[in-house]
C-alpha cells in the first residue's frame, strides 16, 4: 500500500514500520496489545 521502495533512509524505514503497526492495530484491535509489546521491544 504505502510500502514503496522510494524511501531508503533508515528513519523513513522506521517510520514506515511504525505506520504499518499503527494500521495493523486499527485494523485489528485484538492485535493492539501485540503491537504495543512490539513497540517496546528492542526493535
PDB file of N, CA and C in Angstrom:
ATOM      1  N   UNK A   1       0.845  -1.180   0.000  1.00  0.00           N
ATOM      2  CA  UNK A   1       0.000   0.000   0.000  1.00  0.00           C
ATOM      3  C   UNK A   1       0.895   1.250   0.000  1.00  0.00           C
ATOM      4  N   UNK A   2       1.492   1.559   1.151  1.00  0.00           N
ATOM      5  CA  UNK A   2       2.357   2.726   1.170  1.00  0.00           C
ATOM      6  C   UNK A   2       3.799   2.280   1.292  1.00  0.00           C
ATOM      7  N   UNK A   3       4.017   0.978   1.068  1.00  0.00           N
ATOM      8  CA  UNK A   3       5.370   0.444   1.226  1.00  0.00           C
ATOM      9  C   UNK A   3       6.102   0.396  -0.102  1.00  0.00           C
ATOM     10  N   UNK A   4       6.427   1.556  -0.651  1.00  0.00           N
ATOM     11  CA  UNK A   4       7.154   1.576  -1.918  1.00  0.00           C
ATOM     12  C   UNK A   4       8.641   1.589  -1.654  1.00  0.00           C
ATOM     13  N   UNK A   5       9.444   1.428  -2.668  1.00  0.00           N
ATOM     14  CA  UNK A   5      10.888   1.435  -2.475  1.00  0.00           C
ATOM     15  C   UNK A   5      11.436   2.847  -2.636  1.00  0.00           C
ATOM     16  N   UNK A   6      10.586   3.835  -2.399  1.00  0.00           N
ATOM     17  CA  UNK A   6      11.012   5.221  -2.584  1.00  0.00           C
ATOM     18  C   UNK A   6      11.886   5.706  -1.434  1.00  0.00           C
ATOM     19  N   UNK A   7      11.565   5.263  -0.214  1.00  0.00           N
ATOM     20  CA  UNK A   7      12.319   5.727   0.951  1.00  0.00           C
ATOM     21  C   UNK A   7      13.460   4.769   1.274  1.00  0.00           C
ATOM     22  N   UNK A   8      14.658   5.297   1.284  1.00  0.00           N
ATOM     23  CA  UNK A   8      15.823   4.450   1.556  1.00  0.00           C
ATOM     24  C   UNK A   8      16.504   4.849   2.856  1.00  0.00           C
ATOM     25  N   UNK A   9      16.015   5.928   3.469  1.00  0.00           N
ATOM     26  CA  UNK A   9      16.625   6.397   4.713  1.00  0.00           C
ATOM     27  C   UNK A   9      16.195   5.513   5.883  1.00  0.00           C
ATOM     28  N   UNK A  10      17.109   5.234   6.802  1.00  0.00           N
ATOM     29  CA  UNK A  10      16.814   4.410   7.995  1.00  0.00           C
ATOM     30  C   UNK A  10      15.627   4.958   8.768  1.00  0.00           C
ATOM     31  N   UNK A  11      15.576   6.268   8.943  1.00  0.00           N
ATOM     32  CA  UNK A  11      14.482   6.884   9.696  1.00  0.00           C
ATOM     33  C   UNK A  11      13.160   6.663   8.971  1.00  0.00           C
ATOM     34  N   UNK A  12      13.200   6.745   7.650  1.00  0.00           N
ATOM     35  CA  UNK A  12      11.994   6.543   6.858  1.00  0.00           C
ATOM     36  C   UNK A  12      11.510   5.105   7.012  1.00  0.00           C
ATOM     37  N   UNK A  13      12.464   4.173   7.047  1.00  0.00           N
ATOM     38  CA  UNK A  13      12.108   2.764   7.195  1.00  0.00           C
ATOM     39  C   UNK A  13      11.452   2.533   8.550  1.00  0.00           C
ATOM     40  N   UNK A  14      12.003   3.171   9.588  1.00  0.00           N
ATOM     41  CA  UNK A  14      11.445   3.018  10.934  1.00  0.00           C
ATOM     42  C   UNK A  14      10.062   3.644  10.981  1.00  0.00           C
ATOM     43  N   UNK A  15       9.909   4.780  10.322  1.00  0.00           N
ATOM     44  CA  UNK A  15       8.622   5.469  10.311  1.00  0.00           C
ATOM     45  C   UNK A  15       7.585   4.608   9.599  1.00  0.00           C
ATOM     46  N   UNK A  16       7.991   4.010   8.478  1.00  0.00           N
ATOM     47  CA  UNK A  16       7.082   3.155   7.720  1.00  0.00           C
ATOM     48  C   UNK A  16       6.645   1.970   8.570  1.00  0.00           C
ATOM     49  N   UNK A  17       7.592   1.405   9.318  1.00  0.00           N
ATOM     50  CA  UNK A  17       7.276   0.260  10.176  1.00  0.00           C
ATOM     51  C   UNK A  17       6.292   0.679  11.260  1.00  0.00           C
ATOM     52  N   UNK A  18       6.500   1.856  11.819  1.00  0.00           N
ATOM     53  CA  UNK A  18       5.610   2.354  12.876  1.00  0.00           C
ATOM     54  C   UNK A  18       4.205   2.561  12.328  1.00  0.00           C
ATOM     55  N   UNK A  19       4.122   3.127  11.124  1.00  0.00           N
ATOM     56  CA  UNK A  19       2.817   3.366  10.497  1.00  0.00           C
ATOM     57  C   UNK A  19       2.139   2.036  10.202  1.00  0.00           C
ATOM     58  N   UNK A  20       2.925   1.074   9.716  1.00  0.00           N
ATOM     59  CA  UNK A  20       2.371  -0.241   9.395  1.00  0.00           C
ATOM     60  C   UNK A  20       1.770  -0.884  10.637  1.00  0.00           C
ATOM     61  N   UNK A  21       2.495  -0.783  11.757  1.00  0.00           N
ATOM     62  CA  UNK A  21       1.995  -1.362  13.010  1.00  0.00           C
ATOM     63  C   UNK A  21       0.759  -0.608  13.482  1.00  0.00           C
ATOM     64  N   UNK A  22       0.746   0.704  13.256  1.00  0.00           N
ATOM     65  CA  UNK A  22      -0.403   1.515  13.676  1.00  0.00           C
ATOM     66  C   UNK A  22      -1.645   1.086  12.902  1.00  0.00           C
ATOM     67  N   UNK A  23      -1.505   0.914  11.588  1.00  0.00           N
ATOM     68  CA  UNK A  23      -2.643   0.494  10.773  1.00  0.00           C
ATOM     69  C   UNK A  23      -3.088  -0.913  11.159  1.00  0.00           C
ATOM     70  N   UNK A  24      -2.125  -1.766  11.501  1.00  0.00           N
ATOM     71  CA  UNK A  24      -2.456  -3.131  11.912  1.00  0.00           C
ATOM     72  C   UNK A  24      -3.292  -3.093  13.182  1.00  0.00           C
ATOM     73  N   UNK A  25      -2.926  -2.184  14.095  1.00  0.00           N
ATOM     74  CA  UNK A  25      -3.659  -2.069  15.358  1.00  0.00           C
ATOM     75  C   UNK A  25      -5.076  -1.573  15.095  1.00  0.00           C
ATOM     76  N   UNK A  26      -5.209  -0.626  14.172  1.00  0.00           N
ATOM     77  CA  UNK A  26      -6.533  -0.078  13.856  1.00  0.00           C
ATOM     78  C   UNK A  26      -7.384  -1.134  13.155  1.00  0.00           C
ATOM     79  N   UNK A  27      -6.745  -1.928  12.309  1.00  0.00           N
ATOM     80  CA  UNK A  27      -7.473  -2.950  11.563  1.00  0.00           C
ATOM     81  C   UNK A  27      -7.921  -4.078  12.486  1.00  0.00           C
ATOM     82  N   UNK A  28      -7.092  -4.399  13.468  1.00  0.00           N
ATOM     83  CA  UNK A  28      -7.421  -5.497  14.381  1.00  0.00           C
ATOM     84  C   UNK A  28      -7.128  -5.087  15.823  1.00  0.00           C
ATOM     85  N   UNK A  29      -8.131  -4.584  16.535  1.00  0.00           N
ATOM     86  CA  UNK A  29      -7.978  -4.129  17.924  1.00  0.00           C
ATOM     87  C   UNK A  29      -7.349  -5.193  18.822  1.00  0.00           C
ATOM     88  N   UNK A  30      -7.574  -6.453  18.492  1.00  0.00           N
ATOM     89  CA  UNK A  30      -7.040  -7.531  19.323  1.00  0.00           C
ATOM     90  C   UNK A  30      -5.518  -7.593  19.227  1.00  0.00           C
ATOM     91  N   UNK A  31      -4.990  -7.089  18.117  1.00  0.00           N
ATOM     92  CA  UNK A  31      -3.535  -7.126  17.939  1.00  0.00           C
ATOM     93  C   UNK A  31      -2.894  -5.879  18.521  1.00  0.00           C
ATOM     94  N   UNK A  32      -3.730  -4.971  19.029  1.00  0.00           N
ATOM     95  CA  UNK A  32      -3.198  -3.726  19.579  1.00  0.00           C
ATOM     96  C   UNK A  32      -2.193  -3.996  20.694  1.00  0.00           C
ATOM     97  N   UNK A  33      -2.528  -4.949  21.564  1.00  0.00           N
ATOM     98  CA  UNK A  33      -1.610  -5.276  22.659  1.00  0.00           C
ATOM     99  C   UNK A  33      -0.293  -5.804  22.112  1.00  0.00           C
ATOM    100  N   UNK A  34      -0.380  -6.635  21.085  1.00  0.00           N
ATOM    101  CA  UNK A  34       0.829  -7.187  20.480  1.00  0.00           C
ATOM    102  C   UNK A  34       1.669  -6.070  19.877  1.00  0.00           C
ATOM    103  N   UNK A  35       0.995  -5.134  19.223  1.00  0.00           N
ATOM    104  CA  UNK A  35       1.706  -4.010  18.606  1.00  0.00           C
ATOM    105  C   UNK A  35       2.416  -3.192  19.678  1.00  0.00           C
ATOM    106  N   UNK A  36       1.740  -2.993  20.808  1.00  0.00           N
ATOM    107  CA  UNK A  36       2.353  -2.227  21.898  1.00  0.00           C
ATOM    108  C   UNK A  36       3.586  -2.958  22.427  1.00  0.00           C
ATOM    109  N   UNK A  37       3.475  -4.288  22.544  1.00  0.00           N
ATOM    110  CA  UNK A  37       4.608  -5.075  23.036  1.00  0.00           C
ATOM    111  C   UNK A  37       5.772  -4.993  22.049  1.00  0.00           C
ATOM    112  N   UNK A  38       5.450  -5.025  20.757  1.00  0.00           N
ATOM    113  CA  UNK A  38       6.498  -4.946  19.744  1.00  0.00           C
ATOM    114  C   UNK A  38       7.147  -3.571  19.786  1.00  0.00           C
ATOM    115  N   UNK A  39       6.327  -2.558  20.069  1.00  0.00           N
ATOM    116  CA  UNK A  39       6.845  -1.194  20.136  1.00  0.00           C
ATOM    117  C   UNK A  39       7.841  -1.038  21.275  1.00  0.00           C
ATOM    118  N   UNK A  40       7.636  -1.809  22.350  1.00  0.00           N
ATOM    119  CA  UNK A  40       8.538  -1.721  23.497  1.00  0.00           C
ATOM    120  C   UNK A  40       9.755  -2.613  23.313  1.00  0.00           C
ATOM    121  N   UNK A  41       9.678  -3.495  22.338  1.00  0.00           N
ATOM    122  CA  UNK A  41      10.784  -4.420  22.100  1.00  0.00           C
ATOM    123  C   UNK A  41      12.031  -3.712  21.601  1.00  0.00           C
ATOM    124  N   UNK A  42      13.145  -4.422  21.566  1.00  0.00           N
ATOM    125  CA  UNK A  42      14.434  -3.852  21.126  1.00  0.00           C
ATOM    126  C   UNK A  42      14.526  -3.750  19.615  1.00  0.00           C
ATOM    127  N   UNK A  43      13.431  -3.452  18.974  1.00  0.00           N
ATOM    128  CA  UNK A  43      13.415  -3.365  17.510  1.00  0.00           C
ATOM    129  C   UNK A  43      14.004  -2.030  17.079  1.00  0.00           C
TER     130      UNK A  43
END
